[in-house]
Amino acid sequence: EHKTLKEIGALCDGVTRQRVAQLLQRHYGTTRPALVDGTLTEDELAQMLVINRGVLKAWRLRGKVQGIHVGRYVYYVPEEVERARKLADKR
């Protein structure tokens, strides 16, 4: 059964990029899960952040997993992206 990006984020927190790639491969059959499970739109994919750090970890804000770093990319948990957008609009 597919795990959500949130669940994978919890599993991935602080582990190596290689390990995460294995987890993603196992749960999704690909290292780019967002495309498979539809949690990211093409638009959101276009907004993936490029990062340079070596260790892959779940990216947390206020204790919640917001996204996970996979290789050089960050996959965002979509409802958090939506919430961040709404907050930005209010400013």
C-alpha atoms as a PDB file:
ATOM      1  CA  GLU A   1       0.000   0.000   0.000  1.00  0.00           C
ATOM      2  CA  HIS A   2       1.246   3.481  -0.802  1.00  0.00           C
ATOM      3  CA  LYS A   3       2.419   5.652   2.029  1.00  0.00           C
ATOM      4  CA  THR A   4       1.644   9.343   1.880  1.00  0.00           C
ATOM      5  CA  LEU A   5       4.470  11.850   1.530  1.00  0.00           C
ATOM      6  CA  LYS A   6       3.789  12.780   5.154  1.00  0.00           C
ATOM      7  CA  GLU A   7       4.325   9.197   6.304  1.00  0.00           C
ATOM      8  CA  ILE A   8       7.470   8.905   4.220  1.00  0.00           C
ATOM      9  CA  GLY A   9       8.614  12.239   5.628  1.00  0.00           C
ATOM     10  CA  ALA A  10       8.267  10.835   9.130  1.00  0.00           C
ATOM     11  CA  LEU A  11      10.278   7.747   8.139  1.00  0.00           C
ATOM     12  CA  CYS A  12      12.903   9.855   6.400  1.00  0.00           C
ATOM     13  CA  ASP A  13      13.610  12.445   9.032  1.00  0.00           C
ATOM     14  CA  GLY A  14      17.378  12.659   9.411  1.00  0.00           C
ATOM     15  CA  VAL A  15      18.321   9.616   7.338  1.00  0.00           C
ATOM     16  CA  THR A  16      20.582   9.537   4.301  1.00  0.00           C
ATOM     17  CA  ARG A  17      19.516  10.393   0.803  1.00  0.00           C
ATOM     18  CA  GLN A  18      20.281   6.854  -0.331  1.00  0.00           C
ATOM     19  CA  ARG A  19      18.026   5.353   2.333  1.00  0.00           C
ATOM     20  CA  VAL A  20      15.210   7.665   1.359  1.00  0.00           C
ATOM     21  CA  ALA A  21      15.619   6.782  -2.288  1.00  0.00           C
ATOM     22  CA  GLN A  22      15.220   3.135  -1.248  1.00  0.00           C
ATOM     23  CA  LEU A  23      12.059   3.901   0.723  1.00  0.00           C
ATOM     24  CA  LEU A  24      10.571   5.856  -2.147  1.00  0.00           C
ATOM     25  CA  GLN A  25      11.504   3.146  -4.608  1.00  0.00           C
ATOM     26  CA  ARG A  26       9.847   0.537  -2.405  1.00  0.00           C
ATOM     27  CA  HIS A  27       6.624   2.455  -1.774  1.00  0.00           C
ATOM     28  CA  TYR A  28       6.190   4.081  -5.166  1.00  0.00           C
ATOM     29  CA  GLY A  29       8.388   2.169  -7.591  1.00  0.00           C
ATOM     30  CA  THR A  30      10.063   5.477  -8.384  1.00  0.00           C
ATOM     31  CA  THR A  31      12.206   8.012  -6.573  1.00  0.00           C
ATOM     32  CA  ARG A  32       9.834  10.755  -7.701  1.00  0.00           C
ATOM     33  CA  PRO A  33       6.707   9.850  -5.742  1.00  0.00           C
ATOM     34  CA  ALA A  34       4.900  13.139  -6.087  1.00  0.00           C
ATOM     35  CA  LEU A  35       4.256  12.498  -9.760  1.00  0.00           C
ATOM     36  CA  VAL A  36       2.920   9.038  -9.018  1.00  0.00           C
ATOM     37  CA  ASP A  37       0.518   9.667  -6.170  1.00  0.00           C
ATOM     38  CA  GLY A  38      -0.708  13.000  -7.479  1.00  0.00           C
ATOM     39  CA  THR A  39       0.126  14.916  -4.324  1.00  0.00           C
ATOM     40  CA  LEU A  40       1.887  17.576  -6.367  1.00  0.00           C
ATOM     41  CA  THR A  41       0.543  19.395  -9.369  1.00  0.00           C
ATOM     42  CA  GLU A  42       2.848  20.153 -12.288  1.00  0.00           C
ATOM     43  CA  ASP A  43       2.763  23.745 -11.099  1.00  0.00           C
ATOM     44  CA  GLU A  44       3.958  22.802  -7.626  1.00  0.00           C
ATOM     45  CA  LEU A  45       6.634  20.545  -9.121  1.00  0.00           C
ATOM     46  CA  ALA A  46       7.898  23.559 -11.038  1.00  0.00           C
ATOM     47  CA  GLN A  47       8.317  25.309  -7.702  1.00  0.00           C
ATOM     48  CA  MET A  48      10.452  22.589  -6.096  1.00  0.00           C
ATOM     49  CA  LEU A  49      13.378  24.068  -4.255  1.00  0.00           C
ATOM     50  CA  VAL A  50      16.877  23.099  -5.212  1.00  0.00           C
ATOM     51  CA  ILE A  51      19.017  22.376  -2.165  1.00  0.00           C
ATOM     52  CA  ASN A  52      22.738  21.701  -1.818  1.00  0.00           C
ATOM     53  CA  ARG A  53      23.000  19.893   1.499  1.00  0.00           C
ATOM     54  CA  GLY A  54      24.000  16.224   1.671  1.00  0.00           C
ATOM     55  CA  VAL A  55      21.707  14.714   4.311  1.00  0.00           C
ATOM     56  CA  LEU A  56      18.114  14.240   3.384  1.00  0.00           C
ATOM     57  CA  LYS A  57      15.546  15.035   6.041  1.00  0.00           C
ATOM     58  CA  ALA A  58      11.903  15.762   6.497  1.00  0.00           C
ATOM     59  CA  TRP A  59      11.458  19.503   6.596  1.00  0.00           C
ATOM     60  CA  ARG A  60       9.436  20.466   9.652  1.00  0.00           C
ATOM     61  CA  LEU A  61       7.705  23.631  10.647  1.00  0.00           C
ATOM     62  CA  ARG A  62       5.841  23.854  13.954  1.00  0.00           C
ATOM     63  CA  GLY A  63       6.374  20.128  14.436  1.00  0.00           C
ATOM     64  CA  LYS A  64       4.644  19.089  11.223  1.00  0.00           C
ATOM     65  CA  VAL A  65       6.322  17.557   8.214  1.00  0.00           C
ATOM     66  CA  GLN A  66       6.058  20.166   5.456  1.00  0.00           C
ATOM     67  CA  GLY A  67       7.978  18.334   2.795  1.00  0.00           C
ATOM     68  CA  ILE A  68      10.874  15.997   2.228  1.00  0.00           C
ATOM     69  CA  HIS A  69      14.194  16.502   0.538  1.00  0.00           C
ATOM     70  CA  VAL A  70      14.879  13.929  -2.153  1.00  0.00           C
ATOM     71  CA  GLY A  71      18.273  14.305  -3.713  1.00  0.00           C
ATOM     72  CA  ARG A  72      18.488  17.971  -4.578  1.00  0.00           C
ATOM     73  CA  TYR A  73      14.735  18.508  -4.522  1.00  0.00           C
ATOM     74  CA  VAL A  74      12.141  19.244  -1.919  1.00  0.00           C
ATOM     75  CA  TYR A  75       8.726  17.668  -2.298  1.00  0.00           C
ATOM     76  CA  TYR A  76       6.122  19.723  -0.501  1.00  0.00           C
ATOM     77  CA  VAL A  77       3.192  18.311   1.386  1.00  0.00           C
ATOM     78  CA  PRO A  78       0.407  19.934  -0.666  1.00  0.00           C
ATOM     79  CA  GLU A  79      -2.003  21.138   2.020  1.00  0.00           C
ATOM     80  CA  GLU A  80       0.868  22.963   3.686  1.00  0.00           C
ATOM     81  CA  VAL A  81       1.724  24.650   0.395  1.00  0.00           C
ATOM     82  CA  GLU A  82      -1.893  25.761   0.155  1.00  0.00           C
ATOM     83  CA  ARG A  83      -1.848  27.080   3.727  1.00  0.00           C
ATOM     84  CA  ALA A  84       1.402  28.948   3.127  1.00  0.00           C
ATOM     85  CA  ARG A  85      -0.126  30.536   0.029  1.00  0.00           C
ATOM     86  CA  LYS A  86      -3.169  31.733   1.947  1.00  0.00           C
ATOM     87  CA  LEU A  87      -0.958  33.242   4.642  1.00  0.00           C
ATOM     88  CA  ALA A  88       1.139  34.974   1.992  1.00  0.00           C
ATOM     89  CA  ASP A  89      -1.993  36.379   0.352  1.00  0.00           C
ATOM     90  CA  LYS A  90      -3.111  37.946   3.617  1.00  0.00           C
ATOM     91  CA  ARG A  91       0.097  39.978   3.933  1.00  0.00           C
END
